[in-house]
Amino acid sequence: MEKFKLSIVGAGSSYTPELLEELANRRESLWAKEIVLYDIDEKRLGIMEGFCKRYASHLGLEAEISSTTDLDKALYGADFVDTQIRVGGNKQRVKDEKIPLKYGLVGQETTGAGGMMKAFRTIPVVLNLARRMEELAPEGWIINYTNPTGLVTEAVTKYSKARIAGFCSGGIFPKMWAKDALGIAYDRVQYDFAGLNHLNFMSNITIDGRAVTDEEFEAIARENDSVNLDLIKLLGVLPSPYLQWYYQTDEKIQKIADCGYTRGEEVMELEKEIYDAYGNPEQVTKPEVLAKRGGGGYSEVAMNFVHAVHNNADKEMVVNVPNRGAIPFLPDDAVVEISCLVNRRGMASLHVSKVPEMCWGIIAAVKNYEQLAVEAAVEGDVRKMKLALLAHPLVRQYDLVEKLVPELLEANKEYLPQFFTL
């Protein structure tokens, strides 16, 4: 079996051990000769390296595990580079959430004004990584899980020559929902998947090749507990859970207000507990609290890609890739989230059935925002930043944009030299 080098960038993420677990589960088909953990936070990196070595031993995973704060060392000769970074940490995430909320807008880490700021902080960092990959690992693949993955992937495809596949665990959600609702195996469930990251729709759902019944559709839809069931039945397709922010906006904003804290603040507390466990030299298994962190399916999707590419084994996956005509009302170079056939040659988009017409407008508007936001992030262009916010359905209002932009930039000044360097 041919061995490979896996580098994990942002290895201080609490999700990292799940990648090791998934590798151990696939030891008959995947053999990582070397796993390099990279992070800029030396304390978290040291704790994570110690835990990963204990956990790998517990799992019986035979791989050389090391850590480094030298990006070039991590990237050199890598076959796969998993990116899971959070520039500015959860401290900045909370700002992304709270500043828009002050103005009655959605405060969320992947969409709207907050998601844009995360993209602005992240895109230059990942582009630097991509350009180093061009030199140090030109045949390697970036497996991008860094949010907002659609914007990050689009930036890399447009501004570098690095090979990248953008992922989100949402691509397998319908399979997970069907398994829980109907007790059936993943591979029995198929569907058409099209849209953008965190703004997608799943239609033409089948089980063993036959269309689901109305009762089966409703049972599966009930598992998507973020979006109102009656709304899903009205749409007639399964929406991404993130569509709650678009179709139930006021309700969700009020829920956060009533709660009194944001998801970012909740995660900060969870991370303390998780890292206390990781730092315990007696801890050799995943701490139970990790389940509260979310992100289910992430490691499975990442290793599905590694398996398909490394073993040249055809695998149908949902990937963020350039459109190239898959969704006819979007530009060819726009990154979309669609079903692809993955193997050693890369990703080839599969046939996309007609996207339901009632979804066209919202997809086109958000893609317009994404393209402007990527350009603004790379160029440090305040005008394009404002235009992006005006294009976004969750912002749109000129007076709010003029108030938001200075505050958002000031809150992120440390991480946005492109906007402040003459």
Protein backbone atom coordinates (compact mmCIF):
# COMPACT_ATOMS: atom_id res chain seq x y z
CA MET A 1 0.00 0.00 0.00
CA GLU A 2 1.43 3.38 -1.03
CA LYS A 3 2.02 5.72 1.90
CA PHE A 4 1.36 9.47 2.02
CA LYS A 5 2.10 12.59 4.04
CA LEU A 6 -0.81 14.43 5.65
CA SER A 7 -0.27 17.92 7.05
CA ILE A 8 -2.92 19.51 9.24
CA VAL A 9 -2.83 23.31 9.18
CA GLY A 10 -4.64 24.72 12.16
CA ALA A 11 -3.93 21.55 14.10
CA GLY A 12 -4.77 23.31 17.35
CA SER A 13 -8.41 22.89 16.33
CA SER A 14 -10.31 20.62 18.68
CA TYR A 15 -11.44 18.62 15.61
CA THR A 16 -7.95 17.29 14.82
CA PRO A 17 -8.20 13.97 16.71
CA GLU A 18 -11.23 13.00 14.63
CA LEU A 19 -9.01 12.90 11.54
CA LEU A 20 -6.76 10.39 13.28
CA GLU A 21 -9.76 8.30 14.26
CA GLU A 22 -11.00 8.23 10.67
CA LEU A 23 -7.55 7.23 9.41
CA ALA A 24 -7.47 4.40 11.94
CA ASN A 25 -10.88 3.22 10.76
CA ARG A 26 -9.51 3.02 7.20
CA ARG A 27 -6.16 1.42 7.95
CA GLU A 28 -6.80 -1.29 5.35
CA SER A 29 -6.97 1.26 2.53
CA LEU A 30 -5.11 4.35 3.80
CA TRP A 31 -1.64 4.47 5.34
CA ALA A 32 -0.31 7.84 6.41
CA LYS A 33 3.45 7.50 6.78
CA GLU A 34 3.67 10.97 8.32
CA ILE A 35 1.20 13.31 10.00
CA VAL A 36 2.49 16.84 10.59
CA LEU A 37 0.58 19.12 12.93
CA TYR A 38 1.02 22.84 12.21
CA ASP A 39 -0.28 25.80 14.20
CA ILE A 40 0.87 29.27 15.21
CA ASP A 41 -0.33 28.75 18.81
CA GLU A 42 2.57 26.87 20.39
CA LYS A 43 0.71 26.06 23.61
CA ARG A 44 -2.30 24.50 21.89
CA LEU A 45 -0.03 22.75 19.41
CA GLY A 46 2.01 21.17 22.18
CA ILE A 47 -1.09 19.92 23.96
CA MET A 48 -2.56 18.59 20.72
CA GLU A 49 0.64 16.78 19.72
CA GLY A 50 0.78 15.04 23.09
CA PHE A 51 -2.85 13.97 22.94
CA CYS A 52 -2.67 12.87 19.29
CA LYS A 53 0.29 10.61 20.02
CA ARG A 54 -1.55 9.02 22.95
CA TYR A 55 -4.75 8.70 20.93
CA ALA A 56 -2.96 7.23 17.91
CA SER A 57 -1.33 4.63 20.15
CA HIS A 58 -4.72 3.80 21.66
CA LEU A 59 -6.21 3.43 18.15
CA GLY A 60 -3.29 1.39 16.87
CA LEU A 61 -2.58 4.00 14.20
CA GLU A 62 0.93 3.56 12.87
CA ALA A 63 2.10 6.95 11.67
CA GLU A 64 4.93 9.27 12.56
CA ILE A 65 3.29 12.26 14.27
CA SER A 66 5.20 15.52 14.67
CA SER A 67 4.42 19.19 15.13
CA THR A 68 5.90 22.43 13.85
CA THR A 69 5.29 26.17 13.78
CA ASP A 70 7.20 26.38 10.47
CA LEU A 71 4.65 26.41 7.64
CA ASP A 72 7.17 25.50 4.93
CA LYS A 73 8.28 22.46 6.91
CA ALA A 74 4.67 21.34 7.26
CA LEU A 75 3.93 21.79 3.56
CA TYR A 76 7.11 20.36 2.05
CA GLY A 77 6.30 17.22 0.11
CA ALA A 78 2.78 16.95 1.52
CA ASP A 79 0.32 14.85 -0.43
CA PHE A 80 -2.66 16.30 1.41
CA VAL A 81 -2.93 19.50 3.44
CA ASP A 82 -6.02 19.78 5.60
CA THR A 83 -6.76 23.44 6.39
CA GLN A 84 -8.92 24.20 9.42
CA ILE A 85 -7.72 27.59 10.61
CA ARG A 86 -9.51 30.34 12.51
CA VAL A 87 -7.64 33.60 12.06
CA GLY A 88 -8.15 35.69 15.18
CA GLY A 89 -9.59 32.77 17.11
CA ASN A 90 -12.99 32.65 18.74
CA LYS A 91 -12.40 36.12 20.14
CA GLN A 92 -12.85 37.53 16.64
CA ARG A 93 -15.71 35.15 15.94
CA VAL A 94 -17.67 36.69 18.79
CA LYS A 95 -17.10 40.15 17.27
CA ASP A 96 -18.33 38.82 13.92
CA GLU A 97 -21.50 37.73 15.67
CA LYS A 98 -22.11 40.69 17.96
CA ILE A 99 -21.42 43.70 15.74
CA PRO A 100 -24.11 42.87 13.14
CA LEU A 101 -26.56 41.99 15.93
CA LYS A 102 -26.22 45.57 17.22
CA TYR A 103 -27.83 46.69 13.98
CA GLY A 104 -30.56 44.07 13.97
CA LEU A 105 -28.73 41.90 11.44
CA VAL A 106 -27.75 38.25 11.49
CA GLY A 107 -24.47 37.76 13.32
CA GLN A 108 -23.02 34.50 12.07
CA GLU A 109 -19.53 33.22 11.29
CA THR A 110 -20.07 32.07 7.71
CA THR A 111 -22.67 34.37 6.18
CA GLY A 112 -23.75 37.99 6.20
CA ALA A 113 -21.50 40.73 7.53
CA GLY A 114 -19.87 38.48 10.13
CA GLY A 115 -19.06 35.80 7.59
CA MET A 116 -17.52 38.42 5.33
CA MET A 117 -15.11 39.52 8.05
CA LYS A 118 -14.05 35.94 8.67
CA ALA A 119 -13.38 35.66 4.94
CA PHE A 120 -11.36 38.89 4.96
CA ARG A 121 -9.13 37.64 7.78
CA THR A 122 -8.77 34.18 6.29
CA ILE A 123 -8.32 34.57 2.54
CA PRO A 124 -4.86 36.24 2.64
CA VAL A 125 -3.57 33.56 5.01
CA VAL A 126 -4.83 30.65 2.90
CA LEU A 127 -3.61 32.33 -0.30
CA ASN A 128 -0.13 32.53 1.22
CA LEU A 129 -0.36 28.83 2.04
CA ALA A 130 -1.51 28.06 -1.52
CA ARG A 131 1.40 29.96 -3.03
CA ARG A 132 3.86 28.09 -0.80
CA MET A 133 2.18 24.86 -1.91
CA GLU A 134 2.91 25.79 -5.53
CA GLU A 135 6.62 25.63 -4.70
CA LEU A 136 6.85 23.05 -1.90
CA ALA A 137 4.14 20.53 -2.80
CA PRO A 138 2.90 21.28 -6.33
CA GLU A 139 1.22 17.87 -6.68
CA GLY A 140 -0.38 18.03 -3.24
CA TRP A 141 -4.03 18.78 -2.53
CA ILE A 142 -5.44 21.38 -0.17
CA ILE A 143 -8.48 19.92 1.57
CA ASN A 144 -10.13 23.11 2.72
CA TYR A 145 -12.48 23.04 5.67
CA THR A 146 -11.75 26.60 6.72
CA ASN A 147 -14.93 28.66 6.72
CA PRO A 148 -16.39 30.31 4.79
CA THR A 149 -15.19 27.48 2.57
CA GLY A 150 -16.89 28.68 -0.61
CA LEU A 151 -15.19 32.08 -0.52
CA VAL A 152 -11.82 30.66 0.55
CA THR A 153 -11.92 28.05 -2.22
CA GLU A 154 -12.92 30.66 -4.80
CA ALA A 155 -10.00 32.90 -3.78
CA VAL A 156 -7.50 30.05 -4.14
CA THR A 157 -8.86 28.93 -7.53
CA LYS A 158 -8.75 32.49 -8.89
CA TYR A 159 -5.50 33.76 -7.40
CA SER A 160 -3.22 30.71 -7.25
CA LYS A 161 -2.32 27.53 -9.12
CA ALA A 162 -2.59 25.27 -6.08
CA ARG A 163 -4.88 22.27 -6.21
CA ILE A 164 -7.78 22.69 -3.82
CA ALA A 165 -11.02 20.94 -2.93
CA GLY A 166 -13.42 22.82 -0.68
CA PHE A 167 -15.58 20.80 1.67
CA CYS A 168 -18.36 21.01 4.21
CA SER A 169 -19.91 18.12 6.09
CA GLY A 170 -23.33 19.39 4.95
CA GLY A 171 -22.96 17.38 1.75
CA ILE A 172 -23.71 14.16 3.62
CA PHE A 173 -26.42 15.54 5.92
CA PRO A 174 -29.33 14.01 3.95
CA LYS A 175 -27.69 10.60 4.22
CA MET A 176 -27.29 11.11 7.97
CA TRP A 177 -30.89 12.30 8.29
CA ALA A 178 -32.21 9.32 6.31
CA LYS A 179 -30.18 6.92 8.40
CA ASP A 180 -31.59 8.38 11.63
CA ALA A 181 -35.16 8.74 10.34
CA LEU A 182 -35.53 5.52 8.37
CA GLY A 183 -32.74 3.31 9.66
CA ILE A 184 -31.15 2.82 6.26
CA ALA A 185 -27.51 2.74 5.16
CA TYR A 186 -25.87 5.82 3.63
CA ASP A 187 -25.22 4.26 0.25
CA ARG A 188 -28.91 3.56 -0.36
CA VAL A 189 -29.71 7.28 -0.43
CA GLN A 190 -29.02 9.51 -3.44
CA TYR A 191 -30.03 13.07 -4.30
CA ASP A 192 -29.25 16.02 -6.53
CA PHE A 193 -27.21 18.61 -4.67
CA ALA A 194 -26.68 22.13 -5.96
CA GLY A 195 -26.06 25.64 -4.70
CA LEU A 196 -23.37 27.40 -2.71
CA ASN A 197 -21.71 26.46 0.53
CA HIS A 198 -24.24 26.91 3.33
CA LEU A 199 -26.85 27.87 0.74
CA ASN A 200 -27.79 24.70 -1.07
CA PHE A 201 -30.78 22.57 -1.91
CA MET A 202 -31.17 18.80 -2.18
CA SER A 203 -33.82 17.49 -4.53
CA ASN A 204 -34.86 14.30 -6.36
CA ILE A 205 -34.15 12.17 -3.29
CA THR A 206 -34.16 8.44 -3.95
CA ILE A 207 -33.73 5.25 -1.94
CA ASP A 208 -32.38 2.30 -3.90
CA GLY A 209 -33.18 4.24 -7.07
CA ARG A 210 -36.86 4.90 -6.35
CA ALA A 211 -38.25 8.31 -5.40
CA VAL A 212 -38.98 8.76 -1.72
CA THR A 213 -42.62 8.80 -0.69
CA ASP A 214 -44.16 11.91 0.86
CA GLU A 215 -44.02 10.18 4.23
CA GLU A 216 -40.33 9.33 3.84
CA PHE A 217 -39.53 12.87 2.70
CA GLU A 218 -41.26 14.31 5.77
CA ALA A 219 -39.45 11.88 8.08
CA ILE A 220 -36.09 12.89 6.61
CA ALA A 221 -37.02 16.58 6.72
CA ARG A 222 -37.85 16.35 10.43
CA GLU A 223 -34.20 15.56 11.10
CA ASN A 224 -33.27 18.99 9.68
CA ASP A 225 -34.44 20.63 12.87
CA SER A 226 -32.92 24.03 12.08
CA VAL A 227 -35.47 24.83 9.38
CA ASN A 228 -39.24 24.91 9.91
CA LEU A 229 -40.82 21.65 8.75
CA ASP A 230 -43.78 23.37 7.10
CA LEU A 231 -41.34 25.57 5.19
CA ILE A 232 -39.44 22.51 3.93
CA LYS A 233 -42.71 20.91 2.79
CA LEU A 234 -43.63 24.14 1.02
CA LEU A 235 -40.27 24.24 -0.79
CA GLY A 236 -40.51 20.58 -1.73
CA VAL A 237 -36.73 20.21 -1.46
CA LEU A 238 -34.35 19.79 1.46
CA PRO A 239 -32.60 23.08 2.26
CA SER A 240 -29.27 23.44 4.01
CA PRO A 241 -29.77 24.05 7.75
CA TYR A 242 -28.16 27.46 7.15
CA LEU A 243 -31.22 28.51 5.15
CA GLN A 244 -32.76 29.25 8.55
CA TRP A 245 -30.87 32.55 8.47
CA TYR A 246 -32.54 33.55 5.19
CA TYR A 247 -36.07 32.20 5.58
CA GLN A 248 -36.54 32.64 9.35
CA THR A 249 -34.34 35.69 9.89
CA ASP A 250 -36.28 37.63 12.52
CA GLU A 251 -37.08 34.48 14.48
CA LYS A 252 -33.42 33.44 14.63
CA ILE A 253 -32.17 36.90 15.59
CA GLN A 254 -34.73 37.03 18.39
CA LYS A 255 -33.68 33.58 19.57
CA ILE A 256 -30.08 34.76 19.96
CA ALA A 257 -31.27 37.87 21.81
CA ASP A 258 -33.39 35.77 24.16
CA CYS A 259 -30.51 33.36 24.72
CA GLY A 260 -28.19 36.14 25.86
CA TYR A 261 -25.02 34.72 24.30
CA THR A 262 -23.74 33.78 20.86
CA ARG A 263 -22.53 30.45 19.52
CA GLY A 264 -18.99 31.81 19.54
CA GLU A 265 -19.19 32.51 23.27
CA GLU A 266 -20.56 29.03 23.85
CA VAL A 267 -17.72 27.51 21.81
CA MET A 268 -15.10 29.44 23.80
CA GLU A 269 -16.34 27.78 26.99
CA LEU A 270 -16.51 24.35 25.36
CA GLU A 271 -12.96 24.70 24.02
CA LYS A 272 -11.63 25.33 27.54
CA GLU A 273 -13.22 22.10 28.72
CA ILE A 274 -12.04 20.16 25.67
CA TYR A 275 -8.47 21.37 26.02
CA ASP A 276 -8.41 20.61 29.74
CA ALA A 277 -9.16 17.03 28.73
CA TYR A 278 -6.60 16.98 25.92
CA GLY A 279 -3.96 18.24 28.33
CA ASN A 280 -4.58 15.43 30.82
CA PRO A 281 -1.74 12.92 30.32
CA GLU A 282 -4.14 10.12 31.31
CA GLN A 283 -6.59 11.01 28.52
CA VAL A 284 -6.20 8.55 25.63
CA THR A 285 -9.68 8.74 24.03
CA LYS A 286 -11.81 11.57 22.66
CA PRO A 287 -13.42 13.48 25.54
CA GLU A 288 -17.23 13.25 25.61
CA VAL A 289 -17.54 17.04 25.58
CA LEU A 290 -16.15 17.09 22.02
CA ALA A 291 -19.57 15.94 20.77
CA LYS A 292 -21.02 19.29 21.89
CA ARG A 293 -18.59 21.13 19.61
CA GLY A 294 -20.46 20.05 16.47
CA GLY A 295 -18.84 19.38 13.12
CA GLY A 296 -20.12 15.84 12.73
CA GLY A 297 -19.07 14.19 9.48
CA TYR A 298 -16.07 16.46 8.90
CA SER A 299 -13.36 13.81 9.22
CA GLU A 300 -15.37 11.27 7.23
CA VAL A 301 -15.72 13.63 4.27
CA ALA A 302 -12.04 14.63 4.37
CA MET A 303 -10.87 11.02 4.37
CA ASN A 304 -13.36 10.09 1.65
CA PHE A 305 -11.48 12.56 -0.54
CA VAL A 306 -8.06 11.23 0.49
CA HIS A 307 -9.21 7.68 -0.23
CA ALA A 308 -10.64 8.57 -3.65
CA VAL A 309 -7.54 10.49 -4.79
CA HIS A 310 -4.83 8.37 -3.20
CA ASN A 311 -6.31 5.04 -4.30
CA ASN A 312 -7.79 6.33 -7.58
CA ALA A 313 -11.15 5.02 -6.40
CA ASP A 314 -14.14 6.77 -7.97
CA LYS A 315 -16.24 8.43 -5.27
CA GLU A 316 -19.26 10.68 -5.64
CA MET A 317 -18.84 13.63 -3.28
CA VAL A 318 -20.22 17.11 -2.75
CA VAL A 319 -17.35 19.53 -3.42
CA ASN A 320 -16.83 23.28 -3.79
CA VAL A 321 -15.47 23.65 -7.33
CA PRO A 322 -15.59 26.18 -10.20
CA ASN A 323 -19.03 26.11 -11.80
CA ARG A 324 -18.05 25.55 -15.45
CA GLY A 325 -21.68 25.49 -16.56
CA ALA A 326 -23.06 23.18 -13.89
CA ILE A 327 -25.46 25.87 -12.67
CA PRO A 328 -26.31 27.78 -15.87
CA PHE A 329 -27.32 31.10 -14.32
CA LEU A 330 -23.95 31.54 -12.54
CA PRO A 331 -20.54 32.48 -14.05
CA ASP A 332 -18.26 29.62 -15.08
CA ASP A 333 -15.49 30.68 -12.68
CA ALA A 334 -17.80 31.05 -9.67
CA VAL A 335 -17.22 28.38 -7.04
CA VAL A 336 -20.35 26.35 -6.38
CA GLU A 337 -21.15 23.38 -4.16
CA ILE A 338 -22.22 20.42 -6.30
CA SER A 339 -21.89 16.67 -6.66
CA CYS A 340 -18.63 15.58 -8.30
CA LEU A 341 -16.89 12.36 -9.21
CA VAL A 342 -13.56 12.32 -7.36
CA ASN A 343 -10.51 10.22 -8.19
CA ARG A 344 -6.77 10.69 -8.79
CA ARG A 345 -7.46 13.08 -11.66
CA GLY A 346 -9.34 15.41 -9.34
CA MET A 347 -13.01 16.41 -9.40
CA ALA A 348 -15.39 16.22 -12.35
CA SER A 349 -18.81 17.74 -11.82
CA LEU A 350 -21.71 15.38 -12.30
CA HIS A 351 -24.94 16.28 -14.03
CA VAL A 352 -26.88 18.85 -12.04
CA SER A 353 -30.61 18.56 -12.49
CA LYS A 354 -32.44 21.81 -12.95
CA VAL A 355 -32.10 23.90 -9.80
CA PRO A 356 -35.62 24.67 -8.53
CA GLU A 357 -36.60 28.07 -9.91
CA MET A 358 -37.62 29.49 -6.53
CA CYS A 359 -33.97 29.07 -5.46
CA TRP A 360 -32.39 30.97 -8.36
CA GLY A 361 -32.73 34.46 -6.94
CA ILE A 362 -31.20 33.81 -3.54
CA ILE A 363 -28.34 31.75 -4.99
CA ALA A 364 -27.51 34.42 -7.59
CA ALA A 365 -27.63 37.25 -5.04
CA VAL A 366 -25.36 35.50 -2.56
CA LYS A 367 -22.91 34.49 -5.30
CA ASN A 368 -22.76 38.14 -6.38
CA TYR A 369 -21.89 39.01 -2.77
CA GLU A 370 -19.27 36.24 -2.60
CA GLN A 371 -17.47 37.33 -5.76
CA LEU A 372 -17.32 40.95 -4.60
CA ALA A 373 -16.20 39.89 -1.12
CA VAL A 374 -13.34 37.77 -2.49
CA GLU A 375 -12.12 40.68 -4.61
CA ALA A 376 -12.41 43.07 -1.66
CA ALA A 377 -10.46 40.68 0.59
CA VAL A 378 -7.60 40.32 -1.89
CA GLU A 379 -7.44 43.96 -2.98
CA GLY A 380 -8.28 45.65 0.34
CA ASP A 381 -11.01 47.53 -1.51
CA VAL A 382 -13.51 49.26 0.78
CA ARG A 383 -15.81 50.14 -2.11
CA LYS A 384 -16.14 46.49 -3.10
CA MET A 385 -16.67 45.61 0.55
CA LYS A 386 -19.66 47.96 0.64
CA LEU A 387 -20.99 46.65 -2.66
CA ALA A 388 -20.73 43.09 -1.37
CA LEU A 389 -22.80 43.95 1.69
CA LEU A 390 -25.38 45.74 -0.44
CA ALA A 391 -25.67 42.59 -2.57
CA HIS A 392 -26.18 40.28 0.40
CA PRO A 393 -29.85 39.52 1.17
CA LEU A 394 -29.14 39.60 4.91
CA VAL A 395 -27.77 43.17 4.81
CA ARG A 396 -28.84 45.13 1.68
CA GLN A 397 -29.53 48.45 3.41
CA TYR A 398 -27.28 51.37 2.49
CA ASP A 399 -27.56 53.24 5.78
CA LEU A 400 -26.58 50.12 7.73
CA VAL A 401 -23.69 49.39 5.38
CA GLU A 402 -22.25 52.87 5.95
CA LYS A 403 -22.43 52.33 9.72
CA LEU A 404 -21.21 48.75 9.68
CA VAL A 405 -18.14 49.05 7.49
CA PRO A 406 -16.03 51.39 9.66
CA GLU A 407 -16.89 49.43 12.81
CA LEU A 408 -16.14 46.05 11.25
CA LEU A 409 -12.83 47.24 9.82
CA GLU A 410 -11.73 48.81 13.10
CA ALA A 411 -12.64 45.65 15.05
CA ASN A 412 -10.45 43.61 12.67
CA LYS A 413 -7.67 46.11 12.01
CA GLU A 414 -4.98 43.83 13.45
CA TYR A 415 -5.82 41.15 10.87
CA LEU A 416 -6.54 43.26 7.79
CA PRO A 417 -3.33 45.01 6.70
CA GLN A 418 -4.59 45.00 3.10
CA PHE A 419 -7.23 47.58 4.07
CA PHE A 420 -4.93 49.82 6.10
CA THR A 421 -1.58 49.75 4.26
CA LEU A 422 -1.07 52.62 1.83
